[in-house]
Amino acid sequence: MDSFTLELTPAQLKITHAALRSMLDDFGHEEREVTRLLRDTLARFPDAETLAAIDLSAELSRRRPAA
């Protein structure tokens, strides 16, 4: 099995996790393999407390060029 490394900023990590959770919520019982893959992928993310501590506003303001 091939493996890939994807480096994400904290903001990207939080957004990606939220997108995958949303995707998981949208799938029904008939897509068992997709649901399993989503659950396996989400299990690799940091715990909920760590993700909740990521301040998207602060992360985004760091990325904005100074005016």
C-alpha atoms as a PDB file:
ATOM      1  CA  MET A   1       0.000   0.000   0.000  1.00  0.00           C
ATOM      2  CA  ASP A   2       1.323   3.423  -0.954  1.00  0.00           C
ATOM      3  CA  SER A   3       1.580   6.085   1.696  1.00  0.00           C
ATOM      4  CA  PHE A   4       1.653   9.848   1.295  1.00  0.00           C
ATOM      5  CA  THR A   5       2.606  12.677   3.595  1.00  0.00           C
ATOM      6  CA  LEU A   6       0.589  15.863   3.454  1.00  0.00           C
ATOM      7  CA  GLU A   7       1.788  18.861   5.412  1.00  0.00           C
ATOM      8  CA  LEU A   8      -0.985  21.208   6.487  1.00  0.00           C
ATOM      9  CA  THR A   9      -1.058  24.427   8.452  1.00  0.00           C
ATOM     10  CA  PRO A  10      -3.186  24.309  11.608  1.00  0.00           C
ATOM     11  CA  ALA A  11      -5.978  26.173   9.773  1.00  0.00           C
ATOM     12  CA  GLN A  12      -5.836  23.750   6.840  1.00  0.00           C
ATOM     13  CA  LEU A  13      -5.899  20.805   9.247  1.00  0.00           C
ATOM     14  CA  LYS A  14      -9.009  22.122  11.004  1.00  0.00           C
ATOM     15  CA  ILE A  15     -10.814  22.860   7.721  1.00  0.00           C
ATOM     16  CA  THR A  16      -9.899  19.468   6.261  1.00  0.00           C
ATOM     17  CA  HIS A  17     -11.166  17.688   9.365  1.00  0.00           C
ATOM     18  CA  ALA A  18     -14.445  19.633   9.245  1.00  0.00           C
ATOM     19  CA  ALA A  19     -14.870  18.831   5.543  1.00  0.00           C
ATOM     20  CA  LEU A  20     -14.285  15.119   6.092  1.00  0.00           C
ATOM     21  CA  ARG A  21     -16.721  15.062   9.050  1.00  0.00           C
ATOM     22  CA  SER A  22     -19.317  16.787   6.890  1.00  0.00           C
ATOM     23  CA  MET A  23     -18.724  14.300   4.100  1.00  0.00           C
ATOM     24  CA  LEU A  24     -19.105  11.411   6.545  1.00  0.00           C
ATOM     25  CA  ASP A  25     -22.411  12.838   7.782  1.00  0.00           C
ATOM     26  CA  ASP A  26     -23.717  12.987   4.187  1.00  0.00           C
ATOM     27  CA  PHE A  27     -23.115   9.329   3.329  1.00  0.00           C
ATOM     28  CA  GLY A  28     -25.787   6.738   3.947  1.00  0.00           C
ATOM     29  CA  HIS A  29     -25.540   3.109   4.900  1.00  0.00           C
ATOM     30  CA  GLU A  30     -25.213   1.934   1.314  1.00  0.00           C
ATOM     31  CA  GLU A  31     -21.749   3.526   0.964  1.00  0.00           C
ATOM     32  CA  ARG A  32     -20.094   1.338   3.621  1.00  0.00           C
ATOM     33  CA  GLU A  33     -16.644   1.345   2.029  1.00  0.00           C
ATOM     34  CA  VAL A  34     -16.582   5.131   1.696  1.00  0.00           C
ATOM     35  CA  THR A  35     -17.843   5.505   5.259  1.00  0.00           C
ATOM     36  CA  ARG A  36     -15.152   3.120   6.510  1.00  0.00           C
ATOM     37  CA  LEU A  37     -12.449   5.001   4.613  1.00  0.00           C
ATOM     38  CA  LEU A  38     -13.647   8.332   6.001  1.00  0.00           C
ATOM     39  CA  ARG A  39     -13.663   6.951   9.565  1.00  0.00           C
ATOM     40  CA  ASP A  40     -10.175   5.492   9.109  1.00  0.00           C
ATOM     41  CA  THR A  41      -8.919   8.818   7.771  1.00  0.00           C
ATOM     42  CA  LEU A  42     -10.536  10.853  10.551  1.00  0.00           C
ATOM     43  CA  ALA A  43      -8.972   8.561  13.144  1.00  0.00           C
ATOM     44  CA  ARG A  44      -5.555   9.804  12.020  1.00  0.00           C
ATOM     45  CA  PHE A  45      -6.327  13.410  12.970  1.00  0.00           C
ATOM     46  CA  PRO A  46      -5.438  14.936  16.342  1.00  0.00           C
ATOM     47  CA  ASP A  47      -8.043  14.655  19.094  1.00  0.00           C
ATOM     48  CA  ALA A  48     -11.082  16.949  19.215  1.00  0.00           C
ATOM     49  CA  GLU A  49      -9.573  19.097  21.981  1.00  0.00           C
ATOM     50  CA  THR A  50      -6.484  19.834  19.884  1.00  0.00           C
ATOM     51  CA  LEU A  51      -8.563  20.691  16.826  1.00  0.00           C
ATOM     52  CA  ALA A  52     -10.892  22.910  18.884  1.00  0.00           C
ATOM     53  CA  ALA A  53      -7.880  24.856  20.155  1.00  0.00           C
ATOM     54  CA  ILE A  54      -6.953  25.943  16.625  1.00  0.00           C
ATOM     55  CA  ASP A  55      -8.092  29.547  16.242  1.00  0.00           C
ATOM     56  CA  LEU A  56      -8.972  29.986  12.571  1.00  0.00           C
ATOM     57  CA  SER A  57      -9.196  33.775  12.874  1.00  0.00           C
ATOM     58  CA  ALA A  58      -5.690  33.993  14.308  1.00  0.00           C
ATOM     59  CA  GLU A  59      -4.328  31.575  11.713  1.00  0.00           C
ATOM     60  CA  LEU A  60      -5.916  33.501   8.853  1.00  0.00           C
ATOM     61  CA  SER A  61      -4.750  36.888  10.152  1.00  0.00           C
ATOM     62  CA  ARG A  62      -1.146  35.595  10.185  1.00  0.00           C
ATOM     63  CA  ARG A  63      -1.465  34.778   6.499  1.00  0.00           C
ATOM     64  CA  ARG A  64      -2.768  38.218   5.473  1.00  0.00           C
ATOM     65  CA  PRO A  65      -0.159  40.664   4.207  1.00  0.00           C
ATOM     66  CA  ALA A  66       0.290  43.736   6.384  1.00  0.00           C
ATOM     67  CA  ALA A  67      -1.560  46.757   5.017  1.00  0.00           C
END
